[in-house]
Amino acid sequence: MRTTIDASGRIVIPKHLRDELGLVGGAEIELTSDGVGLRVEPSGIGGRVVTQSDGSLVLVASHDTAMDDDDLVAIRDALRR
């Protein structure tokens, strides 16, 4: 997939990739250069909100990791921004 870097140095990550990784606005990411390319990874536990068929919302972790109350609050706050 190709994209461009704007004059301020920003790269837009397409929505389907953000959703796949559970990245939300304000989320922290890790950037790693391997000398040839740039790797973008979620930093810490992330998550996304899924709407169930009955209309209820469910928070799903982006990693197979247990989440505690602080994780849930951080994700909720990020989603509200």
Protein backbone atom coordinates (compact mmCIF):
# COMPACT_ATOMS: atom_id res chain seq x y z
CA MET A 1 0.00 0.00 0.00
CA ARG A 2 1.34 3.43 -0.90
CA THR A 3 0.68 6.72 0.83
CA THR A 4 2.44 10.06 1.07
CA ILE A 5 4.02 12.08 3.84
CA ASP A 6 2.59 15.59 4.17
CA ALA A 7 4.67 18.75 4.59
CA SER A 8 4.46 18.40 8.39
CA GLY A 9 5.83 14.84 8.28
CA ARG A 10 2.52 13.11 9.02
CA ILE A 11 1.45 9.80 7.55
CA VAL A 12 -2.21 8.79 7.45
CA ILE A 13 -2.80 5.18 8.49
CA PRO A 14 -5.87 3.94 6.58
CA LYS A 15 -8.94 3.20 8.72
CA HIS A 16 -9.05 -0.53 7.99
CA LEU A 17 -5.46 -0.89 9.27
CA ARG A 18 -6.17 1.24 12.37
CA ASP A 19 -9.23 -0.90 13.09
CA GLU A 20 -7.25 -4.11 12.59
CA LEU A 21 -4.63 -2.98 15.11
CA GLY A 22 -7.06 -1.36 17.53
CA LEU A 23 -5.46 2.06 17.09
CA VAL A 24 -7.59 5.03 18.13
CA GLY A 25 -6.93 8.76 18.07
CA GLY A 26 -4.52 9.73 20.82
CA ALA A 27 -3.15 6.18 21.16
CA GLU A 28 0.58 5.80 21.64
CA ILE A 29 2.52 3.82 19.05
CA GLU A 30 6.06 2.46 18.85
CA LEU A 31 8.10 3.34 15.74
CA THR A 32 11.09 1.16 14.89
CA SER A 33 13.51 1.58 12.01
CA ASP A 34 15.27 -1.55 10.78
CA GLY A 35 17.49 0.32 8.31
CA VAL A 36 15.24 -0.51 5.36
CA GLY A 37 11.75 0.31 6.57
CA LEU A 38 9.65 1.64 9.40
CA ARG A 39 7.55 -0.56 11.68
CA VAL A 40 4.51 0.88 13.49
CA GLU A 41 3.20 -1.07 16.50
CA PRO A 42 0.61 -0.35 19.18
CA SER A 43 2.21 0.66 22.47
CA GLY A 44 0.80 -1.24 25.41
CA ILE A 45 -2.72 -2.60 25.44
CA GLY A 46 -5.14 -1.18 22.93
CA GLY A 47 -8.66 -2.05 22.05
CA ARG A 48 -11.63 -1.30 19.91
CA VAL A 49 -15.34 -1.05 20.44
CA VAL A 50 -17.56 -3.56 18.64
CA THR A 51 -21.32 -3.08 18.28
CA GLN A 52 -23.22 -6.30 18.92
CA SER A 53 -26.36 -7.29 17.00
CA ASP A 54 -28.50 -6.15 19.96
CA GLY A 55 -26.89 -2.68 19.84
CA SER A 56 -24.72 -3.14 22.94
CA LEU A 57 -21.08 -2.10 22.83
CA VAL A 58 -18.26 -4.49 23.70
CA LEU A 59 -14.64 -3.46 24.26
CA VAL A 60 -12.26 -5.95 22.61
CA ALA A 61 -8.53 -5.99 23.44
CA SER A 62 -6.23 -5.80 20.43
CA HIS A 63 -3.88 -8.34 22.01
CA ASP A 64 -4.51 -11.62 23.80
CA THR A 65 -3.91 -9.96 27.15
CA ALA A 66 -6.08 -9.54 30.21
CA MET A 67 -7.14 -5.94 30.78
CA ASP A 68 -7.58 -4.31 34.15
CA ASP A 69 -9.71 -1.31 35.13
CA ASP A 70 -6.95 1.20 34.29
CA ASP A 71 -6.66 -0.25 30.76
CA LEU A 72 -10.42 0.03 30.23
CA VAL A 73 -10.50 3.61 31.48
CA ALA A 74 -7.58 4.60 29.21
CA ILE A 75 -9.26 3.07 26.14
CA ARG A 76 -12.62 4.62 27.02
CA ASP A 77 -11.01 8.05 27.41
CA ALA A 78 -9.17 7.69 24.09
CA LEU A 79 -12.42 6.79 22.34
CA ARG A 80 -14.17 9.84 23.80
CA ARG A 81 -11.56 12.22 22.31
